[in-house]
Amino acid sequence: MAHYRGSENKREQFRRYLERAGVLDSLTNVLVALYEETDKPEDPLEFIKTHFGVAHAEAETLRLEISELQQKCEVLSRDNEDLRNRVSVLETSVTSSLSQCCTLLCRYLLAFTAFTVRASPRR
């Protein structure tokens, strides 16, 4: 009886392993596709192999696409960082220039006010 429970436990562990890996879903999908075929194939095993292989090929294509997109993302992240640094430098430059302009404008206004006060007739 203990041997029966041990093998039952192993089966359950194996079933959970297949379920977590998505194997049961894939097999179910292929079997459902076979069931829904109106013209049943002469060789159902070949049908299963073909349709199961299609899912694998699609997965490989998606892996390649993910790899390419990750590389593009890295390039764009570097470009983004470079642009952020350039903006920061430009902001600093604009702030400095604006400060200098304000200083010059204040000096000009003070000089103009002083000139206007001296040039105005006294009453």
N, C-alpha and C. Protein backbone atom coordinates (compact mmCIF):
# COMPACT_ATOMS: atom_id res chain seq x y z
N MET A 1 0.81 -1.19 0.00
CA MET A 1 0.00 0.00 0.00
C MET A 1 0.86 1.26 0.00
N ALA A 2 1.98 1.26 0.78
CA ALA A 2 2.87 2.42 0.83
C ALA A 2 3.51 2.67 -0.53
N HIS A 3 3.83 1.55 -1.25
CA HIS A 3 4.43 1.69 -2.58
C HIS A 3 3.44 2.37 -3.52
N TYR A 4 2.16 2.03 -3.42
CA TYR A 4 1.11 2.63 -4.26
C TYR A 4 1.03 4.13 -4.03
N ARG A 5 1.06 4.55 -2.75
CA ARG A 5 0.98 5.98 -2.42
C ARG A 5 2.21 6.74 -2.91
N GLY A 6 3.37 6.09 -2.81
CA GLY A 6 4.60 6.72 -3.28
C GLY A 6 4.57 6.98 -4.77
N SER A 7 4.11 6.00 -5.54
CA SER A 7 4.04 6.18 -6.99
C SER A 7 2.93 7.18 -7.34
N GLU A 8 1.85 7.18 -6.58
CA GLU A 8 0.77 8.16 -6.79
C GLU A 8 1.29 9.57 -6.54
N ASN A 9 2.09 9.75 -5.51
CA ASN A 9 2.67 11.04 -5.18
C ASN A 9 3.61 11.50 -6.29
N LYS A 10 4.41 10.57 -6.81
CA LYS A 10 5.33 10.91 -7.91
C LYS A 10 4.55 11.33 -9.15
N ARG A 11 3.45 10.61 -9.43
CA ARG A 11 2.61 10.98 -10.58
C ARG A 11 2.05 12.38 -10.42
N GLU A 12 1.58 12.69 -9.23
CA GLU A 12 1.00 14.01 -8.97
C GLU A 12 2.07 15.10 -9.10
N GLN A 13 3.27 14.84 -8.60
CA GLN A 13 4.36 15.81 -8.74
C GLN A 13 4.70 16.02 -10.21
N PHE A 14 4.74 14.91 -10.96
CA PHE A 14 5.04 15.01 -12.39
C PHE A 14 3.95 15.79 -13.12
N ARG A 15 2.69 15.51 -12.78
CA ARG A 15 1.57 16.24 -13.40
C ARG A 15 1.67 17.73 -13.13
N ARG A 16 1.99 18.13 -11.87
CA ARG A 16 2.14 19.55 -11.53
C ARG A 16 3.31 20.17 -12.29
N TYR A 17 4.39 19.39 -12.42
CA TYR A 17 5.56 19.85 -13.18
C TYR A 17 5.16 20.16 -14.63
N LEU A 18 4.43 19.25 -15.26
CA LEU A 18 3.99 19.46 -16.64
C LEU A 18 3.03 20.65 -16.73
N GLU A 19 2.19 20.78 -15.75
CA GLU A 19 1.23 21.88 -15.74
C GLU A 19 1.94 23.22 -15.62
N ARG A 20 2.91 23.31 -14.69
CA ARG A 20 3.67 24.57 -14.51
C ARG A 20 4.44 24.93 -15.77
N ALA A 21 4.95 23.94 -16.47
CA ALA A 21 5.76 24.18 -17.67
C ALA A 21 4.90 24.52 -18.88
N GLY A 22 3.58 24.38 -18.76
CA GLY A 22 2.69 24.70 -19.87
C GLY A 22 2.50 23.55 -20.85
N VAL A 23 3.07 22.39 -20.53
CA VAL A 23 2.97 21.25 -21.42
C VAL A 23 1.53 20.77 -21.53
N LEU A 24 0.82 20.70 -20.42
CA LEU A 24 -0.57 20.22 -20.46
C LEU A 24 -1.44 21.15 -21.30
N ASP A 25 -1.25 22.44 -21.17
CA ASP A 25 -2.03 23.38 -21.99
C ASP A 25 -1.71 23.21 -23.47
N SER A 26 -0.44 23.05 -23.79
CA SER A 26 -0.05 22.87 -25.19
C SER A 26 -0.64 21.59 -25.76
N LEU A 27 -0.53 20.51 -25.02
CA LEU A 27 -1.10 19.25 -25.48
C LEU A 27 -2.62 19.36 -25.64
N THR A 28 -3.25 19.99 -24.68
CA THR A 28 -4.70 20.16 -24.75
C THR A 28 -5.08 20.96 -25.99
N ASN A 29 -4.35 22.04 -26.26
CA ASN A 29 -4.65 22.86 -27.44
C ASN A 29 -4.50 22.06 -28.73
N VAL A 30 -3.45 21.25 -28.83
CA VAL A 30 -3.24 20.45 -30.03
C VAL A 30 -4.35 19.40 -30.16
N LEU A 31 -4.71 18.77 -29.06
CA LEU A 31 -5.77 17.76 -29.11
C LEU A 31 -7.12 18.38 -29.44
N VAL A 32 -7.38 19.57 -28.94
CA VAL A 32 -8.63 20.27 -29.27
C VAL A 32 -8.64 20.62 -30.76
N ALA A 33 -7.49 21.09 -31.28
CA ALA A 33 -7.41 21.40 -32.71
C ALA A 33 -7.68 20.15 -33.54
N LEU A 34 -7.13 19.01 -33.12
CA LEU A 34 -7.38 17.74 -33.82
C LEU A 34 -8.86 17.37 -33.74
N TYR A 35 -9.46 17.54 -32.59
CA TYR A 35 -10.87 17.22 -32.40
C TYR A 35 -11.76 18.10 -33.29
N GLU A 36 -11.36 19.38 -33.42
CA GLU A 36 -12.19 20.32 -34.18
C GLU A 36 -11.96 20.23 -35.69
N GLU A 37 -10.98 19.45 -36.12
CA GLU A 37 -10.76 19.27 -37.55
C GLU A 37 -11.98 18.60 -38.17
N THR A 38 -12.54 19.20 -39.21
CA THR A 38 -13.69 18.56 -39.86
C THR A 38 -13.25 17.36 -40.68
N ASP A 39 -12.13 17.50 -41.39
CA ASP A 39 -11.56 16.37 -42.12
C ASP A 39 -10.43 15.80 -41.28
N LYS A 40 -10.73 14.72 -40.59
CA LYS A 40 -9.73 14.12 -39.69
C LYS A 40 -8.54 13.63 -40.51
N PRO A 41 -7.34 13.92 -40.05
CA PRO A 41 -6.15 13.45 -40.78
C PRO A 41 -6.01 11.93 -40.68
N GLU A 42 -5.36 11.36 -41.72
CA GLU A 42 -5.14 9.91 -41.70
C GLU A 42 -4.18 9.53 -40.59
N ASP A 43 -3.21 10.40 -40.32
CA ASP A 43 -2.21 10.10 -39.29
C ASP A 43 -2.32 11.16 -38.18
N PRO A 44 -3.10 10.87 -37.14
CA PRO A 44 -3.28 11.85 -36.07
C PRO A 44 -1.97 12.17 -35.33
N LEU A 45 -1.08 11.19 -35.26
CA LEU A 45 0.20 11.44 -34.59
C LEU A 45 1.01 12.47 -35.37
N GLU A 46 0.99 12.40 -36.68
CA GLU A 46 1.70 13.38 -37.51
C GLU A 46 1.06 14.76 -37.33
N PHE A 47 -0.26 14.80 -37.26
CA PHE A 47 -0.97 16.06 -37.01
C PHE A 47 -0.49 16.69 -35.70
N ILE A 48 -0.41 15.86 -34.67
CA ILE A 48 0.02 16.35 -33.35
C ILE A 48 1.46 16.85 -33.42
N LYS A 49 2.33 16.07 -34.06
CA LYS A 49 3.73 16.48 -34.18
C LYS A 49 3.85 17.81 -34.93
N THR A 50 3.11 17.94 -36.01
CA THR A 50 3.17 19.16 -36.82
C THR A 50 2.68 20.36 -36.03
N HIS A 51 1.52 20.21 -35.41
CA HIS A 51 0.95 21.34 -34.69
C HIS A 51 1.72 21.66 -33.42
N PHE A 52 2.27 20.66 -32.81
CA PHE A 52 3.08 20.90 -31.61
C PHE A 52 4.38 21.59 -32.01
N GLY A 53 4.93 21.21 -33.15
CA GLY A 53 6.15 21.84 -33.66
C GLY A 53 5.94 23.28 -34.05
N VAL A 54 4.74 23.60 -34.55
CA VAL A 54 4.43 24.98 -34.93
C VAL A 54 4.53 25.89 -33.71
N ALA A 55 4.00 25.42 -32.61
CA ALA A 55 4.05 26.22 -31.39
C ALA A 55 5.50 26.44 -30.98
N HIS A 56 6.35 25.41 -31.14
CA HIS A 56 7.76 25.54 -30.79
C HIS A 56 8.45 26.54 -31.72
N ALA A 57 8.15 26.46 -33.03
CA ALA A 57 8.75 27.38 -33.98
C ALA A 57 8.33 28.81 -33.69
N GLU A 58 7.06 29.00 -33.36
CA GLU A 58 6.59 30.33 -32.99
C GLU A 58 7.29 30.84 -31.75
N ALA A 59 7.52 29.95 -30.79
CA ALA A 59 8.21 30.35 -29.57
C ALA A 59 9.64 30.78 -29.88
N GLU A 60 10.31 30.08 -30.78
CA GLU A 60 11.68 30.44 -31.15
C GLU A 60 11.69 31.80 -31.86
N THR A 61 10.72 32.02 -32.73
CA THR A 61 10.61 33.31 -33.42
C THR A 61 10.39 34.42 -32.40
N LEU A 62 9.53 34.17 -31.44
CA LEU A 62 9.27 35.17 -30.40
C LEU A 62 10.51 35.42 -29.54
N ARG A 63 11.28 34.36 -29.25
CA ARG A 63 12.52 34.55 -28.48
C ARG A 63 13.49 35.45 -29.23
N LEU A 64 13.62 35.22 -30.54
CA LEU A 64 14.50 36.07 -31.35
C LEU A 64 14.01 37.51 -31.37
N GLU A 65 12.71 37.67 -31.50
CA GLU A 65 12.13 39.03 -31.50
C GLU A 65 12.36 39.71 -30.16
N ILE A 66 12.21 38.98 -29.08
CA ILE A 66 12.45 39.54 -27.75
C ILE A 66 13.90 39.97 -27.63
N SER A 67 14.82 39.15 -28.12
CA SER A 67 16.24 39.48 -28.06
C SER A 67 16.53 40.76 -28.84
N GLU A 68 15.96 40.87 -30.04
CA GLU A 68 16.15 42.08 -30.84
C GLU A 68 15.57 43.30 -30.15
N LEU A 69 14.39 43.14 -29.57
CA LEU A 69 13.75 44.27 -28.90
C LEU A 69 14.53 44.69 -27.65
N GLN A 70 15.12 43.72 -26.95
CA GLN A 70 15.95 44.06 -25.79
C GLN A 70 17.17 44.87 -26.22
N GLN A 71 17.77 44.48 -27.35
CA GLN A 71 18.92 45.23 -27.85
C GLN A 71 18.52 46.64 -28.24
N LYS A 72 17.38 46.77 -28.92
CA LYS A 72 16.89 48.10 -29.29
C LYS A 72 16.60 48.93 -28.04
N CYS A 73 16.04 48.29 -27.03
CA CYS A 73 15.73 48.99 -25.79
C CYS A 73 17.01 49.51 -25.14
N GLU A 74 18.07 48.70 -25.15
CA GLU A 74 19.34 49.13 -24.58
C GLU A 74 19.90 50.34 -25.35
N VAL A 75 19.81 50.29 -26.68
CA VAL A 75 20.29 51.42 -27.49
C VAL A 75 19.47 52.67 -27.19
N LEU A 76 18.15 52.51 -27.13
CA LEU A 76 17.30 53.66 -26.85
C LEU A 76 17.52 54.20 -25.45
N SER A 77 17.80 53.33 -24.50
CA SER A 77 18.08 53.78 -23.14
C SER A 77 19.37 54.60 -23.10
N ARG A 78 20.38 54.13 -23.83
CA ARG A 78 21.63 54.90 -23.90
C ARG A 78 21.41 56.24 -24.58
N ASP A 79 20.65 56.23 -25.68
CA ASP A 79 20.34 57.49 -26.37
C ASP A 79 19.57 58.43 -25.46
N ASN A 80 18.62 57.89 -24.72
CA ASN A 80 17.82 58.69 -23.79
C ASN A 80 18.72 59.32 -22.74
N GLU A 81 19.63 58.54 -22.19
CA GLU A 81 20.55 59.06 -21.17
C GLU A 81 21.43 60.17 -21.76
N ASP A 82 21.90 59.95 -22.98
CA ASP A 82 22.72 60.96 -23.65
C ASP A 82 21.93 62.24 -23.86
N LEU A 83 20.70 62.12 -24.31
CA LEU A 83 19.87 63.30 -24.53
C LEU A 83 19.56 64.02 -23.21
N ARG A 84 19.32 63.27 -22.16
CA ARG A 84 19.07 63.89 -20.85
C ARG A 84 20.29 64.68 -20.39
N ASN A 85 21.48 64.11 -20.61
CA ASN A 85 22.70 64.84 -20.25
C ASN A 85 22.85 66.11 -21.07
N ARG A 86 22.55 66.03 -22.35
CA ARG A 86 22.65 67.22 -23.21
C ARG A 86 21.65 68.29 -22.77
N VAL A 87 20.44 67.88 -22.44
CA VAL A 87 19.43 68.83 -21.96
C VAL A 87 19.90 69.49 -20.68
N SER A 88 20.49 68.70 -19.79
CA SER A 88 20.98 69.24 -18.53
C SER A 88 22.06 70.30 -18.78
N VAL A 89 22.97 70.01 -19.69
CA VAL A 89 24.03 70.98 -20.03
C VAL A 89 23.41 72.25 -20.62
N LEU A 90 22.44 72.08 -21.51
CA LEU A 90 21.78 73.25 -22.11
C LEU A 90 21.01 74.05 -21.08
N GLU A 91 20.34 73.37 -20.14
CA GLU A 91 19.62 74.09 -19.09
C GLU A 91 20.57 74.92 -18.25
N THR A 92 21.72 74.33 -17.93
CA THR A 92 22.73 75.06 -17.16
C THR A 92 23.21 76.27 -17.93
N SER A 93 23.45 76.09 -19.22
CA SER A 93 23.92 77.18 -20.07
C SER A 93 22.87 78.28 -20.17
N VAL A 94 21.62 77.89 -20.36
CA VAL A 94 20.54 78.89 -20.47
C VAL A 94 20.38 79.63 -19.14
N THR A 95 20.45 78.91 -18.05
CA THR A 95 20.33 79.55 -16.74
C THR A 95 21.44 80.56 -16.53
N SER A 96 22.65 80.17 -16.89
CA SER A 96 23.79 81.08 -16.76
C SER A 96 23.61 82.31 -17.64
N SER A 97 23.21 82.09 -18.89
CA SER A 97 23.01 83.20 -19.82
C SER A 97 21.89 84.12 -19.34
N LEU A 98 20.83 83.54 -18.84
CA LEU A 98 19.72 84.33 -18.33
C LEU A 98 20.16 85.16 -17.13
N SER A 99 20.95 84.58 -16.27
CA SER A 99 21.47 85.31 -15.12
C SER A 99 22.33 86.49 -15.57
N GLN A 100 23.19 86.26 -16.55
CA GLN A 100 24.03 87.35 -17.08
C GLN A 100 23.18 88.43 -17.72
N CYS A 101 22.15 88.04 -18.45
CA CYS A 101 21.26 89.02 -19.09
C CYS A 101 20.54 89.86 -18.03
N CYS A 102 20.08 89.22 -16.97
CA CYS A 102 19.38 89.94 -15.90
C CYS A 102 20.33 90.93 -15.23
N THR A 103 21.57 90.51 -15.00
CA THR A 103 22.55 91.39 -14.38
C THR A 103 22.80 92.61 -15.27
N LEU A 104 23.00 92.36 -16.55
CA LEU A 104 23.24 93.48 -17.48
C LEU A 104 22.02 94.39 -17.58
N LEU A 105 20.83 93.83 -17.60
CA LEU A 105 19.62 94.63 -17.67
C LEU A 105 19.47 95.50 -16.42
N CYS A 106 19.76 94.91 -15.25
CA CYS A 106 19.70 95.69 -14.01
C CYS A 106 20.69 96.84 -14.04
N ARG A 107 21.90 96.59 -14.49
CA ARG A 107 22.91 97.66 -14.60
C ARG A 107 22.44 98.75 -15.55
N TYR A 108 21.89 98.31 -16.68
CA TYR A 108 21.40 99.27 -17.66
C TYR A 108 20.29 100.13 -17.06
N LEU A 109 19.34 99.50 -16.38
CA LEU A 109 18.23 100.25 -15.78
C LEU A 109 18.73 101.22 -14.70
N LEU A 110 19.68 100.79 -13.90
CA LEU A 110 20.25 101.68 -12.88
C LEU A 110 20.94 102.87 -13.53
N ALA A 111 21.72 102.58 -14.58
CA ALA A 111 22.42 103.67 -15.27
C ALA A 111 21.42 104.60 -15.93
N PHE A 112 20.39 104.02 -16.54
CA PHE A 112 19.39 104.86 -17.20
C PHE A 112 18.64 105.72 -16.18
N THR A 113 18.29 105.12 -15.04
CA THR A 113 17.58 105.86 -14.00
C THR A 113 18.45 107.00 -13.48
N ALA A 114 19.72 106.71 -13.25
CA ALA A 114 20.63 107.74 -12.77
C ALA A 114 20.77 108.85 -13.80
N PHE A 115 20.87 108.49 -15.06
CA PHE A 115 20.99 109.49 -16.11
C PHE A 115 19.72 110.32 -16.19
N THR A 116 18.56 109.68 -16.09
CA THR A 116 17.28 110.36 -16.19
C THR A 116 17.11 111.33 -15.02
N VAL A 117 17.50 110.92 -13.84
CA VAL A 117 17.38 111.78 -12.66
C VAL A 117 18.28 113.00 -12.82
N ARG A 118 19.49 112.79 -13.31
CA ARG A 118 20.42 113.94 -13.49
C ARG A 118 19.96 114.85 -14.60
N ALA A 119 19.37 114.27 -15.65
CA ALA A 119 18.99 115.08 -16.81
C ALA A 119 17.66 115.79 -16.61
N SER A 120 16.86 115.39 -15.66
CA SER A 120 15.56 116.01 -15.48
C SER A 120 15.74 117.38 -14.83
N PRO A 121 14.94 118.36 -15.27
CA PRO A 121 15.05 119.71 -14.70
C PRO A 121 14.55 119.72 -13.26
N ARG A 122 15.19 120.50 -12.44
CA ARG A 122 14.81 120.61 -11.05
C ARG A 122 13.77 121.69 -10.91
N ARG A 123 12.86 121.53 -10.04
CA ARG A 123 11.84 122.54 -9.81
C ARG A 123 12.13 123.37 -8.66
